[in-house]
Amino acid sequence: MNVIGFDISKDTIDVTLLRNSGQVDYIKIANACEGFEKLNDWIRSKRIRKISISMEATGIYYEEAADYFSAIYQVFVINPLKIKEYSKSQFSHTKTDKADSRLIAEYTKRHLDKLTPFK
């Protein structure tokens, strides 16, 4: 399964795409409707059919993105504590938004069968 991880802040979303082939792609978008549309176009340009999107439940900042993308793709909203513990288990010390979006995507890819889709 191709997986996208979102690291969401008030104004932006860092997005990492992990493809089945092992290729990794990255883009940064606005945390607003125009950013969501830009990302949707970007995903379509990659010609990917099956995809899951995951993000942390970060305050209220994830809600609009989760609502928008769950109408199109399978979306998972993950407890931030699970990502924090996963980061420790991977000995990840890099703390950037780009690195966090990749970590969220890797967590999703590894635990996809145990996650509950967002509704």
PDB file of N, CA and C in Angstrom:
ATOM      1  N   MET A   1       0.840  -1.184   0.000  1.00  0.00           N
ATOM      2  CA  MET A   1       0.000   0.000   0.000  1.00  0.00           C
ATOM      3  C   MET A   1       0.881   1.240   0.000  1.00  0.00           C
ATOM      4  N   ASN A   2       0.551   2.200  -0.836  1.00  0.00           N
ATOM      5  CA  ASN A   2       1.205   3.503  -0.830  1.00  0.00           C
ATOM      6  C   ASN A   2       0.640   4.295   0.341  1.00  0.00           C
ATOM      7  N   VAL A   3       1.514   4.979   1.067  1.00  0.00           N
ATOM      8  CA  VAL A   3       1.105   5.666   2.294  1.00  0.00           C
ATOM      9  C   VAL A   3       1.616   7.095   2.280  1.00  0.00           C
ATOM     10  N   ILE A   4       0.754   8.002   2.743  1.00  0.00           N
ATOM     11  CA  ILE A   4       1.136   9.403   2.911  1.00  0.00           C
ATOM     12  C   ILE A   4       1.038   9.743   4.390  1.00  0.00           C
ATOM     13  N   GLY A   5       2.062  10.412   4.897  1.00  0.00           N
ATOM     14  CA  GLY A   5       2.058  10.904   6.270  1.00  0.00           C
ATOM     15  C   GLY A   5       2.005  12.421   6.272  1.00  0.00           C
ATOM     16  N   PHE A   6       1.131  12.975   7.095  1.00  0.00           N
ATOM     17  CA  PHE A   6       0.999  14.428   7.259  1.00  0.00           C
ATOM     18  C   PHE A   6       1.578  14.832   8.601  1.00  0.00           C
ATOM     19  N   ASP A   7       2.419  15.848   8.611  1.00  0.00           N
ATOM     20  CA  ASP A   7       2.777  16.523   9.852  1.00  0.00           C
ATOM     21  C   ASP A   7       2.120  17.891   9.763  1.00  0.00           C
ATOM     22  N   ILE A   8       1.122  18.108  10.604  1.00  0.00           N
ATOM     23  CA  ILE A   8       0.247  19.270  10.474  1.00  0.00           C
ATOM     24  C   ILE A   8       0.574  20.339  11.506  1.00  0.00           C
ATOM     25  N   SER A   9       0.659  21.565  11.029  1.00  0.00           N
ATOM     26  CA  SER A   9       0.764  22.724  11.916  1.00  0.00           C
ATOM     27  C   SER A   9      -0.384  23.673  11.569  1.00  0.00           C
ATOM     28  N   LYS A  10      -0.439  24.790  12.242  1.00  0.00           N
ATOM     29  CA  LYS A  10      -1.556  25.719  12.039  1.00  0.00           C
ATOM     30  C   LYS A  10      -1.661  26.169  10.579  1.00  0.00           C
ATOM     31  N   ASP A  11      -0.539  26.486   9.951  1.00  0.00           N
ATOM     32  CA  ASP A  11      -0.560  27.078   8.609  1.00  0.00           C
ATOM     33  C   ASP A  11      -0.133  26.144   7.491  1.00  0.00           C
ATOM     34  N   THR A  12       0.639  25.096   7.804  1.00  0.00           N
ATOM     35  CA  THR A  12       1.181  24.236   6.751  1.00  0.00           C
ATOM     36  C   THR A  12       1.044  22.755   7.094  1.00  0.00           C
ATOM     37  N   ILE A  13       1.189  21.938   6.059  1.00  0.00           N
ATOM     38  CA  ILE A  13       1.224  20.487   6.224  1.00  0.00           C
ATOM     39  C   ILE A  13       2.428  19.967   5.456  1.00  0.00           C
ATOM     40  N   ASP A  14       3.312  19.272   6.146  1.00  0.00           N
ATOM     41  CA  ASP A  14       4.427  18.582   5.500  1.00  0.00           C
ATOM     42  C   ASP A  14       3.915  17.203   5.123  1.00  0.00           C
ATOM     43  N   VAL A  15       4.138  16.813   3.877  1.00  0.00           N
ATOM     44  CA  VAL A  15       3.566  15.586   3.334  1.00  0.00           C
ATOM     45  C   VAL A  15       4.678  14.698   2.789  1.00  0.00           C
ATOM     46  N   THR A  16       4.725  13.442   3.266  1.00  0.00           N
ATOM     47  CA  THR A  16       5.674  12.459   2.736  1.00  0.00           C
ATOM     48  C   THR A  16       4.889  11.291   2.164  1.00  0.00           C
ATOM     49  N   LEU A  17       5.217  10.943   0.931  1.00  0.00           N
ATOM     50  CA  LEU A  17       4.617   9.798   0.251  1.00  0.00           C
ATOM     51  C   LEU A  17       5.624   8.665   0.208  1.00  0.00           C
ATOM     52  N   LEU A  18       5.259   7.517   0.789  1.00  0.00           N
ATOM     53  CA  LEU A  18       6.075   6.306   0.702  1.00  0.00           C
ATOM     54  C   LEU A  18       5.398   5.389  -0.308  1.00  0.00           C
ATOM     55  N   ARG A  19       6.064   5.150  -1.417  1.00  0.00           N
ATOM     56  CA  ARG A  19       5.490   4.294  -2.458  1.00  0.00           C
ATOM     57  C   ARG A  19       5.854   2.833  -2.218  1.00  0.00           C
ATOM     58  N   ASN A  20       5.055   1.960  -2.800  1.00  0.00           N
ATOM     59  CA  ASN A  20       5.346   0.524  -2.721  1.00  0.00           C
ATOM     60  C   ASN A  20       6.725   0.204  -3.274  1.00  0.00           C
ATOM     61  N   SER A  21       7.156   0.979  -4.255  1.00  0.00           N
ATOM     62  CA  SER A  21       8.449   0.745  -4.898  1.00  0.00           C
ATOM     63  C   SER A  21       9.623   1.129  -3.999  1.00  0.00           C
ATOM     64  N   GLY A  22       9.331   1.821  -2.894  1.00  0.00           N
ATOM     65  CA  GLY A  22      10.391   2.278  -2.003  1.00  0.00           C
ATOM     66  C   GLY A  22      10.746   3.739  -2.219  1.00  0.00           C
ATOM     67  N   GLN A  23      10.237   4.321  -3.293  1.00  0.00           N
ATOM     68  CA  GLN A  23      10.506   5.722  -3.584  1.00  0.00           C
ATOM     69  C   GLN A  23       9.797   6.607  -2.557  1.00  0.00           C
ATOM     70  N   VAL A  24      10.457   7.694  -2.176  1.00  0.00           N
ATOM     71  CA  VAL A  24       9.913   8.640  -1.205  1.00  0.00           C
ATOM     72  C   VAL A  24       9.785  10.005  -1.879  1.00  0.00           C
ATOM     73  N   ASP A  25       8.608  10.612  -1.769  1.00  0.00           N
ATOM     74  CA  ASP A  25       8.371  11.950  -2.310  1.00  0.00           C
ATOM     75  C   ASP A  25       7.909  12.859  -1.179  1.00  0.00           C
ATOM     76  N   TYR A  26       8.181  14.152  -1.325  1.00  0.00           N
ATOM     77  CA  TYR A  26       7.852  15.120  -0.277  1.00  0.00           C
ATOM     78  C   TYR A  26       7.298  16.396  -0.915  1.00  0.00           C
ATOM     79  N   ILE A  27       6.316  16.987  -0.236  1.00  0.00           N
ATOM     80  CA  ILE A  27       5.774  18.286  -0.638  1.00  0.00           C
ATOM     81  C   ILE A  27       5.276  18.988   0.619  1.00  0.00           C
ATOM     82  N   LYS A  28       5.273  20.309   0.593  1.00  0.00           N
ATOM     83  CA  LYS A  28       4.728  21.104   1.694  1.00  0.00           C
ATOM     84  C   LYS A  28       3.580  21.924   1.121  1.00  0.00           C
ATOM     85  N   ILE A  29       2.435  21.894   1.815  1.00  0.00           N
ATOM     86  CA  ILE A  29       1.254  22.608   1.338  1.00  0.00           C
ATOM     87  C   ILE A  29       0.685  23.487   2.443  1.00  0.00           C
ATOM     88  N   ALA A  30      -0.209  24.377   2.048  1.00  0.00           N
ATOM     89  CA  ALA A  30      -0.929  25.197   3.017  1.00  0.00           C
ATOM     90  C   ALA A  30      -1.996  24.345   3.703  1.00  0.00           C
ATOM     91  N   ASN A  31      -2.221  24.593   4.971  1.00  0.00           N
ATOM     92  CA  ASN A  31      -3.273  23.896   5.712  1.00  0.00           C
ATOM     93  C   ASN A  31      -4.587  24.650   5.484  1.00  0.00           C
ATOM     94  N   ALA A  32      -5.046  24.590   4.228  1.00  0.00           N
ATOM     95  CA  ALA A  32      -6.275  25.264   3.800  1.00  0.00           C
ATOM     96  C   ALA A  32      -6.747  24.587   2.518  1.00  0.00           C
ATOM     97  N   CYS A  33      -7.934  24.915   2.096  1.00  0.00           N
ATOM     98  CA  CYS A  33      -8.549  24.257   0.944  1.00  0.00           C
ATOM     99  C   CYS A  33      -7.665  24.306  -0.306  1.00  0.00           C
ATOM    100  N   GLU A  34      -7.030  25.447  -0.571  1.00  0.00           N
ATOM    101  CA  GLU A  34      -6.175  25.537  -1.771  1.00  0.00           C
ATOM    102  C   GLU A  34      -4.979  24.597  -1.661  1.00  0.00           C
ATOM    103  N   GLY A  35      -4.463  24.397  -0.464  1.00  0.00           N
ATOM    104  CA  GLY A  35      -3.374  23.442  -0.255  1.00  0.00           C
ATOM    105  C   GLY A  35      -3.843  22.012  -0.462  1.00  0.00           C
ATOM    106  N   PHE A  36      -5.059  21.708  -0.007  1.00  0.00           N
ATOM    107  CA  PHE A  36      -5.618  20.359  -0.184  1.00  0.00           C
ATOM    108  C   PHE A  36      -5.797  20.050  -1.668  1.00  0.00           C
ATOM    109  N   GLU A  37      -6.278  21.040  -2.421  1.00  0.00           N
ATOM    110  CA  GLU A  37      -6.464  20.852  -3.861  1.00  0.00           C
ATOM    111  C   GLU A  37      -5.125  20.662  -4.560  1.00  0.00           C
ATOM    112  N   LYS A  38      -4.123  21.419  -4.135  1.00  0.00           N
ATOM    113  CA  LYS A  38      -2.772  21.278  -4.698  1.00  0.00           C
ATOM    114  C   LYS A  38      -2.248  19.867  -4.438  1.00  0.00           C
ATOM    115  N   LEU A  39      -2.454  19.368  -3.219  1.00  0.00           N
ATOM    116  CA  LEU A  39      -1.992  18.018  -2.884  1.00  0.00           C
ATOM    117  C   LEU A  39      -2.745  16.964  -3.689  1.00  0.00           C
ATOM    118  N   ASN A  40      -4.029  17.151  -3.854  1.00  0.00           N
ATOM    119  CA  ASN A  40      -4.822  16.209  -4.643  1.00  0.00           C
ATOM    120  C   ASN A  40      -4.299  16.132  -6.070  1.00  0.00           C
ATOM    121  N   ASP A  41      -3.976  17.275  -6.663  1.00  0.00           N
ATOM    122  CA  ASP A  41      -3.389  17.311  -8.011  1.00  0.00           C
ATOM    123  C   ASP A  41      -2.032  16.617  -8.024  1.00  0.00           C
ATOM    124  N   TRP A  42      -1.234  16.841  -6.984  1.00  0.00           N
ATOM    125  CA  TRP A  42       0.099  16.229  -6.876  1.00  0.00           C
ATOM    126  C   TRP A  42      -0.016  14.708  -6.814  1.00  0.00           C
ATOM    127  N   ILE A  43      -0.971  14.213  -6.010  1.00  0.00           N
ATOM    128  CA  ILE A  43      -1.181  12.761  -5.907  1.00  0.00           C
ATOM    129  C   ILE A  43      -1.590  12.196  -7.264  1.00  0.00           C
ATOM    130  N   ARG A  44      -2.515  12.869  -7.935  1.00  0.00           N
ATOM    131  CA  ARG A  44      -2.950  12.403  -9.262  1.00  0.00           C
ATOM    132  C   ARG A  44      -1.795  12.399 -10.263  1.00  0.00           C
ATOM    133  N   SER A  45      -0.898  13.373 -10.160  1.00  0.00           N
ATOM    134  CA  SER A  45       0.241  13.434 -11.080  1.00  0.00           C
ATOM    135  C   SER A  45       1.197  12.256 -10.883  1.00  0.00           C
ATOM    136  N   LYS A  46       1.158  11.649  -9.701  1.00  0.00           N
ATOM    137  CA  LYS A  46       2.006  10.490  -9.405  1.00  0.00           C
ATOM    138  C   LYS A  46       1.386   9.189  -9.931  1.00  0.00           C
ATOM    139  N   ARG A  47       0.135   9.260 -10.389  1.00  0.00           N
ATOM    140  CA  ARG A  47      -0.583   8.102 -10.942  1.00  0.00           C
ATOM    141  C   ARG A  47      -0.662   6.940  -9.946  1.00  0.00           C
ATOM    142  N   ILE A  48      -1.077   7.272  -8.735  1.00  0.00           N
ATOM    143  CA  ILE A  48      -1.207   6.279  -7.677  1.00  0.00           C
ATOM    144  C   ILE A  48      -2.686   5.994  -7.468  1.00  0.00           C
ATOM    145  N   ARG A  49      -3.041   4.736  -7.458  1.00  0.00           N
ATOM    146  CA  ARG A  49      -4.456   4.376  -7.284  1.00  0.00           C
ATOM    147  C   ARG A  49      -4.800   4.137  -5.815  1.00  0.00           C
ATOM    148  N   LYS A  50      -4.151   3.183  -5.182  1.00  0.00           N
ATOM    149  CA  LYS A  50      -4.459   2.868  -3.786  1.00  0.00           C
ATOM    150  C   LYS A  50      -3.515   3.629  -2.873  1.00  0.00           C
ATOM    151  N   ILE A  51      -4.126   4.368  -1.957  1.00  0.00           N
ATOM    152  CA  ILE A  51      -3.313   5.183  -1.063  1.00  0.00           C
ATOM    153  C   ILE A  51      -4.036   5.360   0.276  1.00  0.00           C
ATOM    154  N   SER A  52      -3.270   5.408   1.339  1.00  0.00           N
ATOM    155  CA  SER A  52      -3.798   5.724   2.666  1.00  0.00           C
ATOM    156  C   SER A  52      -3.074   6.956   3.173  1.00  0.00           C
ATOM    157  N   ILE A  53      -3.815   7.816   3.849  1.00  0.00           N
ATOM    158  CA  ILE A  53      -3.261   9.048   4.400  1.00  0.00           C
ATOM    159  C   ILE A  53      -3.386   8.991   5.912  1.00  0.00           C
ATOM    160  N   SER A  54      -2.314   9.371   6.595  1.00  0.00           N
ATOM    161  CA  SER A  54      -2.358   9.364   8.057  1.00  0.00           C
ATOM    162  C   SER A  54      -1.809  10.663   8.612  1.00  0.00           C
ATOM    163  N   MET A  55      -2.300  11.001   9.794  1.00  0.00           N
ATOM    164  CA  MET A  55      -1.894  12.233  10.465  1.00  0.00           C
ATOM    165  C   MET A  55      -2.098  12.063  11.961  1.00  0.00           C
ATOM    166  N   GLU A  56      -1.429  12.909  12.721  1.00  0.00           N
ATOM    167  CA  GLU A  56      -1.639  12.908  14.164  1.00  0.00           C
ATOM    168  C   GLU A  56      -2.854  13.778  14.496  1.00  0.00           C
ATOM    169  N   ALA A  57      -3.497  13.466  15.595  1.00  0.00           N
ATOM    170  CA  ALA A  57      -4.584  14.300  16.102  1.00  0.00           C
ATOM    171  C   ALA A  57      -3.951  15.466  16.851  1.00  0.00           C
ATOM    172  N   THR A  58      -3.653  16.535  16.142  1.00  0.00           N
ATOM    173  CA  THR A  58      -2.957  17.684  16.722  1.00  0.00           C
ATOM    174  C   THR A  58      -3.938  18.822  16.940  1.00  0.00           C
ATOM    175  N   GLY A  59      -4.442  18.934  18.142  1.00  0.00           N
ATOM    176  CA  GLY A  59      -5.389  20.002  18.457  1.00  0.00           C
ATOM    177  C   GLY A  59      -6.550  19.991  17.481  1.00  0.00           C
ATOM    178  N   ILE A  60      -6.854  21.166  16.927  1.00  0.00           N
ATOM    179  CA  ILE A  60      -7.927  21.258  15.925  1.00  0.00           C
ATOM    180  C   ILE A  60      -7.371  21.362  14.514  1.00  0.00           C
ATOM    181  N   TYR A  61      -6.067  21.443  14.366  1.00  0.00           N
ATOM    182  CA  TYR A  61      -5.460  21.721  13.070  1.00  0.00           C
ATOM    183  C   TYR A  61      -5.611  20.602  12.052  1.00  0.00           C
ATOM    184  N   TYR A  62      -5.818  19.375  12.505  1.00  0.00           N
ATOM    185  CA  TYR A  62      -5.938  18.249  11.587  1.00  0.00           C
ATOM    186  C   TYR A  62      -7.358  18.070  11.049  1.00  0.00           C
ATOM    187  N   GLU A  63      -8.344  18.638  11.707  1.00  0.00           N
ATOM    188  CA  GLU A  63      -9.739  18.318  11.425  1.00  0.00           C
ATOM    189  C   GLU A  63     -10.175  18.618   9.990  1.00  0.00           C
ATOM    190  N   GLU A  64      -9.835  19.792   9.484  1.00  0.00           N
ATOM    191  CA  GLU A  64     -10.243  20.154   8.125  1.00  0.00           C
ATOM    192  C   GLU A  64      -9.603  19.238   7.093  1.00  0.00           C
ATOM    193  N   ALA A  65      -8.330  18.931   7.276  1.00  0.00           N
ATOM    194  CA  ALA A  65      -7.635  18.027   6.349  1.00  0.00           C
ATOM    195  C   ALA A  65      -8.226  16.624   6.421  1.00  0.00           C
ATOM    196  N   ALA A  66      -8.501  16.137   7.614  1.00  0.00           N
ATOM    197  CA  ALA A  66      -9.085  14.803   7.773  1.00  0.00           C
ATOM    198  C   ALA A  66     -10.450  14.724   7.108  1.00  0.00           C
ATOM    199  N   ASP A  67     -11.272  15.735   7.292  1.00  0.00           N
ATOM    200  CA  ASP A  67     -12.596  15.754   6.666  1.00  0.00           C
ATOM    201  C   ASP A  67     -12.489  15.787   5.141  1.00  0.00           C
ATOM    202  N   TYR A  68     -11.627  16.647   4.635  1.00  0.00           N
ATOM    203  CA  TYR A  68     -11.471  16.795   3.181  1.00  0.00           C
ATOM    204  C   TYR A  68     -10.984  15.494   2.541  1.00  0.00           C
ATOM    205  N   PHE A  69      -9.902  14.946   3.057  1.00  0.00           N
ATOM    206  CA  PHE A  69      -9.288  13.779   2.415  1.00  0.00           C
ATOM    207  C   PHE A  69     -10.027  12.474   2.680  1.00  0.00           C
ATOM    208  N   SER A  70     -10.776  12.386   3.783  1.00  0.00           N
ATOM    209  CA  SER A  70     -11.516  11.145   4.048  1.00  0.00           C
ATOM    210  C   SER A  70     -12.664  10.946   3.061  1.00  0.00           C
ATOM    211  N   ALA A  71     -13.072  12.008   2.385  1.00  0.00           N
ATOM    212  CA  ALA A  71     -14.106  11.885   1.348  1.00  0.00           C
ATOM    213  C   ALA A  71     -13.538  11.275   0.065  1.00  0.00           C
ATOM    214  N   ILE A  72     -12.200  11.243  -0.052  1.00  0.00           N
ATOM    215  CA  ILE A  72     -11.547  10.774  -1.282  1.00  0.00           C
ATOM    216  C   ILE A  72     -10.709   9.520  -1.043  1.00  0.00           C
ATOM    217  N   TYR A  73      -9.978   9.498   0.068  1.00  0.00           N
ATOM    218  CA  TYR A  73      -9.024   8.433   0.361  1.00  0.00           C
ATOM    219  C   TYR A  73      -9.326   7.806   1.721  1.00  0.00           C
ATOM    220  N   GLN A  74      -8.632   6.725   2.006  1.00  0.00           N
ATOM    221  CA  GLN A  74      -8.687   6.141   3.343  1.00  0.00           C
ATOM    222  C   GLN A  74      -7.777   6.988   4.240  1.00  0.00           C
ATOM    223  N   VAL A  75      -8.322   7.473   5.346  1.00  0.00           N
ATOM    224  CA  VAL A  75      -7.588   8.371   6.240  1.00  0.00           C
ATOM    225  C   VAL A  75      -7.545   7.766   7.640  1.00  0.00           C
ATOM    226  N   PHE A  76      -6.385   7.905   8.277  1.00  0.00           N
ATOM    227  CA  PHE A  76      -6.210   7.471   9.656  1.00  0.00           C
ATOM    228  C   PHE A  76      -5.736   8.661  10.480  1.00  0.00           C
ATOM    229  N   VAL A  77      -6.366   8.865  11.636  1.00  0.00           N
ATOM    230  CA  VAL A  77      -5.927   9.883  12.582  1.00  0.00           C
ATOM    231  C   VAL A  77      -5.363   9.134  13.776  1.00  0.00           C
ATOM    232  N   ILE A  78      -4.094   9.376  14.047  1.00  0.00           N
ATOM    233  CA  ILE A  78      -3.342   8.585  15.021  1.00  0.00           C
ATOM    234  C   ILE A  78      -3.052   9.414  16.272  1.00  0.00           C
ATOM    235  N   ASN A  79      -3.145   8.761  17.414  1.00  0.00           N
ATOM    236  CA  ASN A  79      -2.817   9.391  18.679  1.00  0.00           C
ATOM    237  C   ASN A  79      -1.331   9.796  18.663  1.00  0.00           C
ATOM    238  N   PRO A  80      -1.010  11.053  18.956  1.00  0.00           N
ATOM    239  CA  PRO A  80       0.383  11.504  18.931  1.00  0.00           C
ATOM    240  C   PRO A  80       1.316  10.699  19.845  1.00  0.00           C
ATOM    241  N   LEU A  81       0.785  10.155  20.933  1.00  0.00           N
ATOM    242  CA  LEU A  81       1.622   9.356  21.834  1.00  0.00           C
ATOM    243  C   LEU A  81       2.128   8.086  21.145  1.00  0.00           C
ATOM    244  N   LYS A  82       1.324   7.511  20.259  1.00  0.00           N
ATOM    245  CA  LYS A  82       1.763   6.322  19.519  1.00  0.00           C
ATOM    246  C   LYS A  82       2.923   6.667  18.595  1.00  0.00           C
ATOM    247  N   ILE A  83       2.851   7.813  17.955  1.00  0.00           N
ATOM    248  CA  ILE A  83       3.937   8.243  17.069  1.00  0.00           C
ATOM    249  C   ILE A  83       5.189   8.544  17.890  1.00  0.00           C
ATOM    250  N   LYS A  84       5.016   9.161  19.045  1.00  0.00           N
ATOM    251  CA  LYS A  84       6.159   9.466  19.916  1.00  0.00           C
ATOM    252  C   LYS A  84       6.860   8.183  20.355  1.00  0.00           C
ATOM    253  N   GLU A  85       6.084   7.195  20.774  1.00  0.00           N
ATOM    254  CA  GLU A  85       6.669   5.917  21.191  1.00  0.00           C
ATOM    255  C   GLU A  85       7.324   5.191  20.013  1.00  0.00           C
ATOM    256  N   TYR A  86       6.693   5.258  18.849  1.00  0.00           N
ATOM    257  CA  TYR A  86       7.274   4.643  17.654  1.00  0.00           C
ATOM    258  C   TYR A  86       8.609   5.311  17.317  1.00  0.00           C
ATOM    259  N   SER A  87       8.652   6.621  17.440  1.00  0.00           N
ATOM    260  CA  SER A  87       9.879   7.370  17.177  1.00  0.00           C
ATOM    261  C   SER A  87      11.002   6.893  18.100  1.00  0.00           C
ATOM    262  N   LYS A  88      10.680   6.699  19.379  1.00  0.00           N
ATOM    263  CA  LYS A  88      11.679   6.197  20.332  1.00  0.00           C
ATOM    264  C   LYS A  88      12.154   4.799  19.939  1.00  0.00           C
ATOM    265  N   SER A  89      11.222   3.959  19.510  1.00  0.00           N
ATOM    266  CA  SER A  89      11.589   2.587  19.151  1.00  0.00           C
ATOM    267  C   SER A  89      12.477   2.535  17.913  1.00  0.00           C
ATOM    268  N   GLN A  90      12.404   3.580  17.085  1.00  0.00           N
ATOM    269  CA  GLN A  90      13.221   3.650  15.874  1.00  0.00           C
ATOM    270  C   GLN A  90      14.512   4.447  16.104  1.00  0.00           C
ATOM    271  N   PHE A  91      14.726   4.865  17.344  1.00  0.00           N
ATOM    272  CA  PHE A  91      15.891   5.678  17.715  1.00  0.00           C
ATOM    273  C   PHE A  91      15.998   6.934  16.858  1.00  0.00           C
ATOM    274  N   SER A  92      14.846   7.510  16.566  1.00  0.00           N
ATOM    275  CA  SER A  92      14.780   8.708  15.741  1.00  0.00           C
ATOM    276  C   SER A  92      14.977   9.937  16.620  1.00  0.00           C
ATOM    277  N   HIS A  93      16.043  10.687  16.342  1.00  0.00           N
ATOM    278  CA  HIS A  93      16.332  11.887  17.114  1.00  0.00           C
ATOM    279  C   HIS A  93      16.112  13.153  16.303  1.00  0.00           C
ATOM    280  N   THR A  94      15.851  12.983  15.009  1.00  0.00           N
ATOM    281  CA  THR A  94      15.617  14.132  14.146  1.00  0.00           C
ATOM    282  C   THR A  94      14.214  14.654  14.382  1.00  0.00           C
ATOM    283  N   LYS A  95      14.100  15.931  14.697  1.00  0.00           N
ATOM    284  CA  LYS A  95      12.792  16.502  15.006  1.00  0.00           C
ATOM    285  C   LYS A  95      12.535  17.689  14.076  1.00  0.00           C
ATOM    286  N   THR A  96      12.210  17.371  12.822  1.00  0.00           N
ATOM    287  CA  THR A  96      11.780  18.395  11.874  1.00  0.00           C
ATOM    288  C   THR A  96      10.403  17.984  11.361  1.00  0.00           C
ATOM    289  N   ASP A  97       9.689  18.925  10.793  1.00  0.00           N
ATOM    290  CA  ASP A  97       8.364  18.608  10.263  1.00  0.00           C
ATOM    291  C   ASP A  97       8.447  17.591   9.132  1.00  0.00           C
ATOM    292  N   LYS A  98       9.458  17.735   8.287  1.00  0.00           N
ATOM    293  CA  LYS A  98       9.649  16.791   7.175  1.00  0.00           C
ATOM    294  C   LYS A  98       9.928  15.382   7.711  1.00  0.00           C
ATOM    295  N   ALA A  99      10.805  15.273   8.688  1.00  0.00           N
ATOM    296  CA  ALA A  99      11.136  13.969   9.274  1.00  0.00           C
ATOM    297  C   ALA A  99       9.922  13.373   9.990  1.00  0.00           C
ATOM    298  N   ASP A 100       9.144  14.222  10.646  1.00  0.00           N
ATOM    299  CA  ASP A 100       7.950  13.735  11.342  1.00  0.00           C
ATOM    300  C   ASP A 100       6.910  13.195  10.362  1.00  0.00           C
ATOM    301  N   SER A 101       6.746  13.860   9.218  1.00  0.00           N
ATOM    302  CA  SER A 101       5.772  13.365   8.241  1.00  0.00           C
ATOM    303  C   SER A 101       6.199  11.999   7.707  1.00  0.00           C
ATOM    304  N   ARG A 102       7.483  11.803   7.542  1.00  0.00           N
ATOM    305  CA  ARG A 102       7.969  10.490   7.093  1.00  0.00           C
ATOM    306  C   ARG A 102       7.768   9.438   8.190  1.00  0.00           C
ATOM    307  N   LEU A 103       8.036   9.805   9.422  1.00  0.00           N
ATOM    308  CA  LEU A 103       7.846   8.881  10.542  1.00  0.00           C
ATOM    309  C   LEU A 103       6.383   8.446  10.647  1.00  0.00           C
ATOM    310  N   ILE A 104       5.461   9.380  10.465  1.00  0.00           N
ATOM    311  CA  ILE A 104       4.032   9.059  10.505  1.00  0.00           C
ATOM    312  C   ILE A 104       3.672   8.109   9.368  1.00  0.00           C
ATOM    313  N   ALA A 105       4.233   8.346   8.181  1.00  0.00           N
ATOM    314  CA  ALA A 105       3.975   7.448   7.048  1.00  0.00           C
ATOM    315  C   ALA A 105       4.544   6.059   7.320  1.00  0.00           C
ATOM    316  N   GLU A 106       5.751   5.984   7.871  1.00  0.00           N
ATOM    317  CA  GLU A 106       6.363   4.686   8.180  1.00  0.00           C
ATOM    318  C   GLU A 106       5.557   3.929   9.237  1.00  0.00           C
ATOM    319  N   TYR A 107       5.090   4.652  10.254  1.00  0.00           N
ATOM    320  CA  TYR A 107       4.257   4.029  11.290  1.00  0.00           C
ATOM    321  C   TYR A 107       3.001   3.439  10.651  1.00  0.00           C
ATOM    322  N   THR A 108       2.378   4.190   9.790  1.00  0.00           N
ATOM    323  CA  THR A 108       1.153   3.727   9.128  1.00  0.00           C
ATOM    324  C   THR A 108       1.418   2.496   8.280  1.00  0.00           C
ATOM    325  N   LYS A 109       2.476   2.528   7.517  1.00  0.00           N
ATOM    326  CA  LYS A 109       2.807   1.388   6.650  1.00  0.00           C
ATOM    327  C   LYS A 109       3.012   0.125   7.487  1.00  0.00           C
ATOM    328  N   ARG A 110       3.666   0.273   8.620  1.00  0.00           N
ATOM    329  CA  ARG A 110       3.962  -0.869   9.483  1.00  0.00           C
ATOM    330  C   ARG A 110       2.733  -1.393  10.229  1.00  0.00           C
ATOM    331  N   HIS A 111       1.829  -0.492  10.605  1.00  0.00           N
ATOM    332  CA  HIS A 111       0.682  -0.865  11.449  1.00  0.00           C
ATOM    333  C   HIS A 111      -0.659  -0.734  10.738  1.00  0.00           C
ATOM    334  N   LEU A 112      -0.660  -0.713   9.428  1.00  0.00           N
ATOM    335  CA  LEU A 112      -1.873  -0.480   8.644  1.00  0.00           C
ATOM    336  C   LEU A 112      -3.016  -1.430   9.021  1.00  0.00           C
ATOM    337  N   ASP A 113      -2.694  -2.670   9.276  1.00  0.00           N
ATOM    338  CA  ASP A 113      -3.732  -3.655   9.592  1.00  0.00           C
ATOM    339  C   ASP A 113      -4.376  -3.452  10.969  1.00  0.00           C
ATOM    340  N   LYS A 114      -3.766  -2.593  11.807  1.00  0.00           N
ATOM    341  CA  LYS A 114      -4.288  -2.377  13.158  1.00  0.00           C
ATOM    342  C   LYS A 114      -4.979  -1.013  13.324  1.00  0.00           C
ATOM    343  N   LEU A 115      -4.943  -0.207  12.285  1.00  0.00           N
ATOM    344  CA  LEU A 115      -5.494   1.145  12.382  1.00  0.00           C
ATOM    345  C   LEU A 115      -6.964   1.176  11.989  1.00  0.00           C
ATOM    346  N   THR A 116      -7.706   2.091  12.600  1.00  0.00           N
ATOM    347  CA  THR A 116      -9.116   2.278  12.308  1.00  0.00           C
ATOM    348  C   THR A 116      -9.296   3.518  11.454  1.00  0.00           C
ATOM    349  N   PRO A 117      -9.963   3.396  10.312  1.00  0.00           N
ATOM    350  CA  PRO A 117     -10.160   4.566   9.441  1.00  0.00           C
ATOM    351  C   PRO A 117     -10.960   5.677  10.110  1.00  0.00           C
ATOM    352  N   PHE A 118     -10.618   6.896   9.766  1.00  0.00           N
ATOM    353  CA  PHE A 118     -11.308   8.087  10.245  1.00  0.00           C
ATOM    354  C   PHE A 118     -12.663   8.199   9.556  1.00  0.00           C
ATOM    355  N   LYS A 119     -13.679   8.629  10.309  1.00  0.00           N
ATOM    356  CA  LYS A 119     -15.015   8.830   9.734  1.00  0.00           C
ATOM    357  C   LYS A 119     -15.484  10.222  10.024  1.00  0.00           C
TER     358      LYS A 119
END
